[in-house]
N, C-alpha and C. Protein backbone atom coordinates (compact mmCIF):
# COMPACT_ATOMS: atom_id res chain seq x y z
N MET A 1 73.33 -40.59 261.39
CA MET A 1 73.17 -40.40 262.82
C MET A 1 72.33 -39.17 263.12
N ARG A 2 72.58 -38.09 262.38
CA ARG A 2 71.83 -36.85 262.59
C ARG A 2 70.35 -37.07 262.30
N SER A 3 70.05 -37.85 261.25
CA SER A 3 68.66 -38.15 260.91
C SER A 3 67.98 -38.95 262.01
N ARG A 4 68.70 -39.92 262.59
CA ARG A 4 68.13 -40.73 263.68
C ARG A 4 67.85 -39.85 264.88
N THR A 5 68.74 -38.92 265.18
CA THR A 5 68.55 -38.02 266.32
C THR A 5 67.35 -37.12 266.07
N ALA A 6 67.24 -36.60 264.86
CA ALA A 6 66.10 -35.74 264.53
C ALA A 6 64.79 -36.51 264.64
N THR A 7 64.78 -37.74 264.17
CA THR A 7 63.57 -38.55 264.26
C THR A 7 63.23 -38.84 265.72
N LEU A 8 64.22 -39.19 266.51
CA LEU A 8 64.00 -39.47 267.92
C LEU A 8 63.46 -38.24 268.63
N LEU A 9 64.04 -37.08 268.33
CA LEU A 9 63.55 -35.84 268.93
C LEU A 9 62.12 -35.54 268.47
N GLY A 10 61.85 -35.81 267.21
CA GLY A 10 60.50 -35.60 266.70
C GLY A 10 59.49 -36.48 267.42
N LEU A 11 59.84 -37.73 267.59
CA LEU A 11 58.97 -38.64 268.33
C LEU A 11 58.79 -38.15 269.76
N LEU A 12 59.85 -37.66 270.34
CA LEU A 12 59.78 -37.16 271.72
C LEU A 12 58.80 -36.00 271.81
N VAL A 13 58.89 -35.07 270.89
CA VAL A 13 58.00 -33.91 270.90
C VAL A 13 56.55 -34.35 270.72
N LEU A 14 56.30 -35.19 269.74
CA LEU A 14 54.94 -35.66 269.49
C LEU A 14 54.37 -36.41 270.69
N THR A 15 55.15 -37.30 271.23
CA THR A 15 54.67 -38.12 272.33
C THR A 15 54.57 -37.34 273.62
N ALA A 16 55.51 -36.46 273.85
CA ALA A 16 55.44 -35.62 275.04
C ALA A 16 54.20 -34.75 275.00
N SER A 17 53.89 -34.22 273.83
CA SER A 17 52.67 -33.42 273.69
C SER A 17 51.44 -34.26 273.99
N ALA A 18 51.43 -35.48 273.51
CA ALA A 18 50.29 -36.36 273.78
C ALA A 18 50.19 -36.66 275.27
N LEU A 19 51.30 -36.90 275.91
CA LEU A 19 51.29 -37.20 277.34
C LEU A 19 50.83 -36.00 278.16
N GLU A 20 51.34 -34.81 277.83
CA GLU A 20 50.93 -33.62 278.57
C GLU A 20 49.44 -33.37 278.38
N ALA A 21 48.97 -33.52 277.16
CA ALA A 21 47.54 -33.31 276.91
C ALA A 21 46.72 -34.32 277.69
N ASN A 22 47.18 -35.58 277.73
CA ASN A 22 46.47 -36.62 278.45
C ASN A 22 46.46 -36.34 279.94
N ALA A 23 47.57 -35.86 280.47
CA ALA A 23 47.66 -35.57 281.90
C ALA A 23 46.78 -34.39 282.26
N GLN A 24 46.50 -33.51 281.30
CA GLN A 24 45.75 -32.30 281.58
C GLN A 24 44.28 -32.39 281.19
N GLY A 25 43.84 -33.44 280.58
CA GLY A 25 42.42 -33.49 280.27
C GLY A 25 42.05 -34.33 279.07
N PRO A 26 41.62 -33.69 277.97
CA PRO A 26 41.06 -34.42 276.84
C PRO A 26 42.04 -35.42 276.23
N GLU A 27 41.47 -36.33 275.48
CA GLU A 27 42.25 -37.38 274.83
C GLU A 27 43.28 -36.77 273.89
N PRO A 28 44.55 -37.17 273.98
CA PRO A 28 45.59 -36.62 273.12
C PRO A 28 45.55 -37.25 271.74
N HIS A 29 46.29 -36.64 270.83
CA HIS A 29 46.47 -37.22 269.51
C HIS A 29 47.57 -38.27 269.62
N ARG A 30 47.21 -39.49 269.43
CA ARG A 30 48.19 -40.58 269.42
C ARG A 30 48.49 -40.88 267.96
N TRP A 31 49.63 -40.40 267.50
CA TRP A 31 49.94 -40.45 266.08
C TRP A 31 49.86 -41.86 265.51
N TRP A 32 50.12 -42.88 266.27
CA TRP A 32 50.10 -44.26 265.76
C TRP A 32 48.66 -44.78 265.60
N HIS A 33 47.66 -44.03 266.09
CA HIS A 33 46.26 -44.39 265.87
C HIS A 33 45.68 -43.71 264.64
N SER A 34 46.34 -42.70 264.15
CA SER A 34 45.85 -41.94 263.00
C SER A 34 45.93 -42.80 261.74
N GLU A 35 44.81 -42.89 261.03
CA GLU A 35 44.81 -43.66 259.78
C GLU A 35 45.79 -43.08 258.78
N GLU A 36 45.89 -41.76 258.75
CA GLU A 36 46.82 -41.09 257.85
C GLU A 36 48.26 -41.55 258.14
N VAL A 37 48.65 -41.53 259.39
CA VAL A 37 50.01 -41.90 259.77
C VAL A 37 50.22 -43.40 259.59
N ARG A 38 49.25 -44.18 259.99
CA ARG A 38 49.37 -45.64 259.84
C ARG A 38 49.59 -46.01 258.38
N THR A 39 48.84 -45.36 257.50
CA THR A 39 48.96 -45.63 256.06
C THR A 39 50.30 -45.14 255.54
N GLU A 40 50.65 -43.90 255.90
CA GLU A 40 51.90 -43.32 255.40
C GLU A 40 53.12 -44.11 255.86
N LEU A 41 53.11 -44.58 257.10
CA LEU A 41 54.24 -45.33 257.65
C LEU A 41 54.13 -46.82 257.35
N ASP A 42 52.98 -47.23 256.85
CA ASP A 42 52.70 -48.65 256.63
C ASP A 42 52.87 -49.43 257.94
N LEU A 43 52.27 -48.85 259.01
CA LEU A 43 52.33 -49.49 260.33
C LEU A 43 51.49 -50.76 260.33
N THR A 44 52.02 -51.79 260.89
CA THR A 44 51.25 -53.02 261.05
C THR A 44 50.39 -52.90 262.31
N ASP A 45 49.39 -53.75 262.41
CA ASP A 45 48.58 -53.79 263.62
C ASP A 45 49.45 -54.12 264.83
N GLU A 46 50.41 -55.01 264.62
CA GLU A 46 51.31 -55.40 265.71
C GLU A 46 52.15 -54.21 266.18
N GLN A 47 52.65 -53.43 265.24
CA GLN A 47 53.44 -52.25 265.62
C GLN A 47 52.58 -51.25 266.38
N SER A 48 51.39 -51.00 265.86
CA SER A 48 50.49 -50.06 266.53
C SER A 48 50.16 -50.52 267.95
N THR A 49 49.92 -51.81 268.09
CA THR A 49 49.64 -52.37 269.42
C THR A 49 50.85 -52.22 270.33
N SER A 50 52.03 -52.48 269.80
CA SER A 50 53.26 -52.33 270.60
C SER A 50 53.46 -50.89 271.03
N LEU A 51 53.25 -49.94 270.11
CA LEU A 51 53.40 -48.52 270.44
C LEU A 51 52.40 -48.12 271.52
N ASP A 52 51.18 -48.60 271.37
CA ASP A 52 50.15 -48.26 272.35
C ASP A 52 50.48 -48.88 273.71
N ARG A 53 50.98 -50.09 273.72
CA ARG A 53 51.35 -50.75 274.97
C ARG A 53 52.45 -49.96 275.69
N ILE A 54 53.45 -49.53 274.94
CA ILE A 54 54.55 -48.74 275.51
C ILE A 54 53.99 -47.45 276.10
N TYR A 55 53.13 -46.80 275.35
CA TYR A 55 52.52 -45.54 275.81
C TYR A 55 51.70 -45.77 277.09
N GLN A 56 50.86 -46.79 277.07
CA GLN A 56 49.99 -47.07 278.22
C GLN A 56 50.81 -47.47 279.46
N GLN A 57 51.87 -48.21 279.26
CA GLN A 57 52.71 -48.61 280.39
C GLN A 57 53.44 -47.42 281.01
N THR A 58 53.69 -46.41 280.21
CA THR A 58 54.42 -45.23 280.68
C THR A 58 53.50 -44.21 281.33
N LEU A 59 52.24 -44.19 280.95
CA LEU A 59 51.31 -43.16 281.43
C LEU A 59 51.26 -43.00 282.95
N PRO A 60 51.13 -44.06 283.73
CA PRO A 60 51.05 -43.84 285.18
C PRO A 60 52.27 -43.12 285.75
N LYS A 61 53.45 -43.52 285.31
CA LYS A 61 54.66 -42.85 285.81
C LYS A 61 54.71 -41.41 285.31
N GLN A 62 54.30 -41.19 284.06
CA GLN A 62 54.29 -39.83 283.52
C GLN A 62 53.35 -38.94 284.32
N ARG A 63 52.18 -39.45 284.60
CA ARG A 63 51.20 -38.66 285.36
C ARG A 63 51.71 -38.34 286.76
N GLU A 64 52.30 -39.34 287.41
CA GLU A 64 52.83 -39.11 288.75
C GLU A 64 53.99 -38.13 288.71
N SER A 65 54.85 -38.25 287.73
CA SER A 65 55.97 -37.31 287.59
C SER A 65 55.47 -35.89 287.33
N MET A 66 54.43 -35.77 286.53
CA MET A 66 53.86 -34.45 286.24
C MET A 66 53.23 -33.86 287.49
N ARG A 67 52.51 -34.68 288.26
CA ARG A 67 51.92 -34.20 289.51
C ARG A 67 53.01 -33.74 290.48
N ARG A 68 54.07 -34.54 290.57
CA ARG A 68 55.17 -34.18 291.47
C ARG A 68 55.82 -32.87 291.03
N LEU A 69 56.07 -32.73 289.74
CA LEU A 69 56.67 -31.50 289.23
C LEU A 69 55.79 -30.31 289.53
N ASN A 70 54.49 -30.43 289.26
CA ASN A 70 53.57 -29.33 289.53
C ASN A 70 53.56 -28.97 291.01
N SER A 71 53.57 -29.96 291.86
CA SER A 71 53.57 -29.73 293.30
C SER A 71 54.85 -29.03 293.75
N GLU A 72 55.97 -29.51 293.26
CA GLU A 72 57.26 -28.91 293.64
C GLU A 72 57.37 -27.48 293.12
N GLU A 73 56.85 -27.22 291.90
CA GLU A 73 56.87 -25.86 291.36
C GLU A 73 55.96 -24.94 292.18
N MET A 74 54.82 -25.44 292.62
CA MET A 74 53.92 -24.64 293.45
C MET A 74 54.59 -24.29 294.78
N THR A 75 55.24 -25.27 295.37
CA THR A 75 55.96 -25.02 296.63
C THR A 75 57.04 -23.97 296.42
N LEU A 76 57.77 -24.06 295.31
CA LEU A 76 58.81 -23.08 295.01
C LEU A 76 58.21 -21.69 294.87
N SER A 77 57.11 -21.59 294.16
CA SER A 77 56.45 -20.29 294.00
C SER A 77 56.06 -19.70 295.34
N GLN A 78 55.54 -20.53 296.22
CA GLN A 78 55.16 -20.06 297.55
C GLN A 78 56.38 -19.60 298.34
N LEU A 79 57.46 -20.36 298.25
CA LEU A 79 58.70 -19.97 298.96
C LEU A 79 59.22 -18.63 298.45
N ILE A 80 59.22 -18.46 297.14
CA ILE A 80 59.73 -17.22 296.55
C ILE A 80 58.89 -16.03 297.00
N GLY A 81 57.61 -16.24 297.19
CA GLY A 81 56.72 -15.18 297.65
C GLY A 81 56.88 -14.84 299.12
N ASP A 82 57.55 -15.70 299.86
CA ASP A 82 57.74 -15.50 301.30
C ASP A 82 59.06 -14.76 301.52
N MET A 83 58.98 -13.52 301.89
CA MET A 83 60.19 -12.71 302.06
C MET A 83 61.00 -13.08 303.30
N ASP A 84 60.43 -13.92 304.16
CA ASP A 84 61.15 -14.34 305.37
C ASP A 84 61.93 -15.63 305.16
N VAL A 85 61.81 -16.24 303.99
CA VAL A 85 62.46 -17.52 303.74
C VAL A 85 63.97 -17.32 303.54
N GLN A 86 64.72 -18.31 303.90
CA GLN A 86 66.17 -18.28 303.72
C GLN A 86 66.51 -18.72 302.29
N GLU A 87 67.56 -18.17 301.76
CA GLU A 87 67.98 -18.52 300.40
C GLU A 87 68.27 -20.01 300.27
N ILE A 88 68.83 -20.62 301.28
CA ILE A 88 69.14 -22.05 301.24
C ILE A 88 67.88 -22.89 301.06
N ASP A 89 66.76 -22.42 301.64
CA ASP A 89 65.50 -23.15 301.48
C ASP A 89 64.99 -23.06 300.04
N VAL A 90 65.16 -21.90 299.43
CA VAL A 90 64.78 -21.74 298.02
C VAL A 90 65.68 -22.61 297.15
N THR A 91 66.97 -22.61 297.45
CA THR A 91 67.93 -23.42 296.69
C THR A 91 67.57 -24.90 296.76
N ARG A 92 67.24 -25.38 297.94
CA ARG A 92 66.86 -26.79 298.09
C ARG A 92 65.59 -27.10 297.30
N GLN A 93 64.64 -26.17 297.32
CA GLN A 93 63.40 -26.41 296.59
C GLN A 93 63.64 -26.38 295.08
N ILE A 94 64.54 -25.52 294.64
CA ILE A 94 64.90 -25.52 293.21
C ILE A 94 65.47 -26.88 292.83
N ASP A 95 66.30 -27.44 293.70
CA ASP A 95 66.85 -28.78 293.44
C ASP A 95 65.73 -29.82 293.33
N ARG A 96 64.72 -29.71 294.17
CA ARG A 96 63.59 -30.66 294.11
C ARG A 96 62.82 -30.49 292.80
N VAL A 97 62.60 -29.24 292.39
CA VAL A 97 61.89 -28.98 291.13
C VAL A 97 62.67 -29.57 289.96
N GLU A 98 63.96 -29.33 289.93
CA GLU A 98 64.77 -29.82 288.81
C GLU A 98 64.90 -31.34 288.81
N ALA A 99 64.92 -31.94 289.99
CA ALA A 99 64.94 -33.41 290.06
C ALA A 99 63.64 -33.98 289.50
N ALA A 100 62.51 -33.35 289.83
CA ALA A 100 61.22 -33.80 289.31
C ALA A 100 61.15 -33.61 287.80
N ARG A 101 61.65 -32.48 287.32
CA ARG A 101 61.66 -32.22 285.87
C ARG A 101 62.55 -33.24 285.15
N SER A 102 63.68 -33.56 285.75
CA SER A 102 64.59 -34.54 285.17
C SER A 102 63.95 -35.93 285.11
N GLU A 103 63.26 -36.31 286.16
CA GLU A 103 62.58 -37.61 286.20
C GLU A 103 61.53 -37.69 285.09
N LEU A 104 60.77 -36.63 284.92
CA LEU A 104 59.75 -36.59 283.87
C LEU A 104 60.39 -36.70 282.49
N SER A 105 61.45 -35.95 282.28
CA SER A 105 62.14 -35.98 281.00
C SER A 105 62.73 -37.36 280.71
N LYS A 106 63.35 -37.96 281.69
CA LYS A 106 63.95 -39.28 281.52
C LYS A 106 62.89 -40.32 281.15
N THR A 107 61.76 -40.26 281.82
CA THR A 107 60.68 -41.20 281.53
C THR A 107 60.18 -41.02 280.10
N ARG A 108 60.01 -39.77 279.68
CA ARG A 108 59.57 -39.49 278.31
C ARG A 108 60.57 -40.00 277.29
N ILE A 109 61.82 -39.69 277.51
CA ILE A 109 62.85 -40.08 276.55
C ILE A 109 62.95 -41.60 276.44
N LEU A 110 62.89 -42.29 277.56
CA LEU A 110 62.94 -43.76 277.51
C LEU A 110 61.72 -44.33 276.79
N MET A 111 60.56 -43.73 276.99
CA MET A 111 59.37 -44.18 276.29
C MET A 111 59.55 -44.00 274.77
N VAL A 112 60.03 -42.84 274.38
CA VAL A 112 60.24 -42.57 272.95
C VAL A 112 61.30 -43.51 272.38
N PHE A 113 62.33 -43.78 273.14
CA PHE A 113 63.36 -44.72 272.70
C PHE A 113 62.76 -46.09 272.44
N ARG A 114 61.90 -46.53 273.35
CA ARG A 114 61.25 -47.83 273.17
C ARG A 114 60.35 -47.83 271.94
N MET A 115 59.63 -46.73 271.73
CA MET A 115 58.78 -46.61 270.54
C MET A 115 59.62 -46.60 269.27
N TYR A 116 60.70 -45.89 269.32
CA TYR A 116 61.63 -45.77 268.19
C TYR A 116 62.10 -47.14 267.73
N ARG A 117 62.33 -48.02 268.66
CA ARG A 117 62.83 -49.35 268.34
C ARG A 117 61.77 -50.23 267.67
N VAL A 118 60.52 -49.88 267.79
CA VAL A 118 59.44 -50.64 267.16
C VAL A 118 59.38 -50.37 265.65
N LEU A 119 59.83 -49.18 265.25
CA LEU A 119 59.74 -48.75 263.86
C LEU A 119 61.00 -49.12 263.07
N SER A 120 60.81 -49.34 261.78
CA SER A 120 61.96 -49.57 260.90
C SER A 120 62.61 -48.22 260.59
N ALA A 121 63.80 -48.26 260.01
CA ALA A 121 64.50 -47.03 259.64
C ALA A 121 63.65 -46.21 258.66
N ALA A 122 63.05 -46.87 257.69
CA ALA A 122 62.21 -46.16 256.71
C ALA A 122 60.99 -45.54 257.39
N GLN A 123 60.40 -46.25 258.33
CA GLN A 123 59.24 -45.71 259.04
C GLN A 123 59.63 -44.50 259.89
N ARG A 124 60.79 -44.56 260.52
CA ARG A 124 61.25 -43.42 261.32
C ARG A 124 61.46 -42.20 260.44
N GLU A 125 62.04 -42.41 259.28
CA GLU A 125 62.28 -41.30 258.35
C GLU A 125 60.94 -40.72 257.87
N THR A 126 60.00 -41.58 257.53
CA THR A 126 58.69 -41.12 257.08
C THR A 126 57.96 -40.39 258.21
N LEU A 127 58.08 -40.90 259.41
CA LEU A 127 57.45 -40.24 260.56
C LEU A 127 58.04 -38.86 260.78
N ASP A 128 59.35 -38.74 260.63
CA ASP A 128 60.00 -37.45 260.79
C ASP A 128 59.49 -36.46 259.74
N GLU A 129 59.32 -36.92 258.52
CA GLU A 129 58.79 -36.06 257.45
C GLU A 129 57.35 -35.65 257.77
N TRP A 130 56.55 -36.59 258.24
CA TRP A 130 55.16 -36.29 258.60
C TRP A 130 55.12 -35.26 259.73
N ARG A 131 55.98 -35.47 260.74
CA ARG A 131 56.04 -34.55 261.88
C ARG A 131 56.42 -33.14 261.42
N ALA A 132 57.38 -33.03 260.52
CA ALA A 132 57.79 -31.72 260.00
C ALA A 132 56.63 -31.03 259.30
N ARG A 133 55.87 -31.79 258.51
CA ARG A 133 54.69 -31.21 257.84
C ARG A 133 53.65 -30.76 258.86
N GLU A 134 53.42 -31.60 259.87
CA GLU A 134 52.46 -31.25 260.93
C GLU A 134 52.88 -29.98 261.65
N ASN A 135 54.16 -29.86 261.96
CA ASN A 135 54.65 -28.65 262.62
C ASN A 135 54.45 -27.43 261.74
N ASP A 136 54.72 -27.58 260.42
CA ASP A 136 54.52 -26.46 259.50
C ASP A 136 53.05 -26.07 259.43
N ASP A 137 52.17 -27.06 259.44
CA ASP A 137 50.73 -26.80 259.36
C ASP A 137 50.21 -26.08 260.60
N HIS A 138 50.87 -26.24 261.74
CA HIS A 138 50.39 -25.63 262.98
C HIS A 138 51.07 -24.31 263.32
N ARG A 139 51.97 -23.87 262.45
CA ARG A 139 52.60 -22.57 262.66
C ARG A 139 51.66 -21.48 262.17
N PRO A 140 51.75 -20.31 262.79
CA PRO A 140 50.93 -19.19 262.28
C PRO A 140 51.28 -18.89 260.83
N ASN A 141 50.29 -18.40 260.09
CA ASN A 141 50.46 -18.13 258.66
C ASN A 141 51.66 -17.26 258.36
N SER A 142 51.96 -16.30 259.23
CA SER A 142 53.07 -15.39 258.97
C SER A 142 54.40 -16.14 258.88
N ASN A 143 54.55 -17.21 259.62
CA ASN A 143 55.79 -17.97 259.58
C ASN A 143 55.91 -18.80 258.31
N ARG A 144 54.80 -19.22 257.75
CA ARG A 144 54.84 -20.03 256.53
C ARG A 144 55.20 -19.20 255.31
N ARG A 145 55.02 -17.90 255.39
CA ARG A 145 55.33 -17.04 254.24
C ARG A 145 56.79 -16.65 254.21
N GLY A 146 57.58 -17.20 255.13
CA GLY A 146 59.00 -16.93 255.11
C GLY A 146 59.40 -15.72 255.93
N ARG A 147 58.46 -15.11 256.65
CA ARG A 147 58.80 -13.99 257.52
C ARG A 147 59.68 -14.47 258.66
N ARG A 148 60.61 -13.64 259.02
CA ARG A 148 61.46 -14.00 260.16
C ARG A 148 60.73 -13.70 261.44
N ARG A 149 61.04 -14.52 262.43
CA ARG A 149 60.43 -14.32 263.73
C ARG A 149 61.14 -13.24 264.50
């Protein structure tokens, strides 16, 4: 169970990063398109197509949720800067920000859950191992030498 949770969280991190990058500009890294990952996981064309379909179907809602979150956060920042605002107004805006953040998170998690179901148990385990290596490769050199943060 712990391994499944770790794999699901790994998929969430990878996919969330891809979605955020896509919402902010250049093309994200879609791990299921990588020849290295496809080979390592032995992904079929059908699986890759299914993963891409899930991702593409989720993108519009992800983008809208991200826009809403950014807008609500901007409004909150403006309210906080206004010394004449009532605390209740800030509290209500915080609720709006957190609702938008929750909506974005829920959409991401459901997308990853759907992707997770496309992969076999062995593929999920291999993907988790690949993700761990990728994370190690992107850490600053000082962390790879065993230095404490």
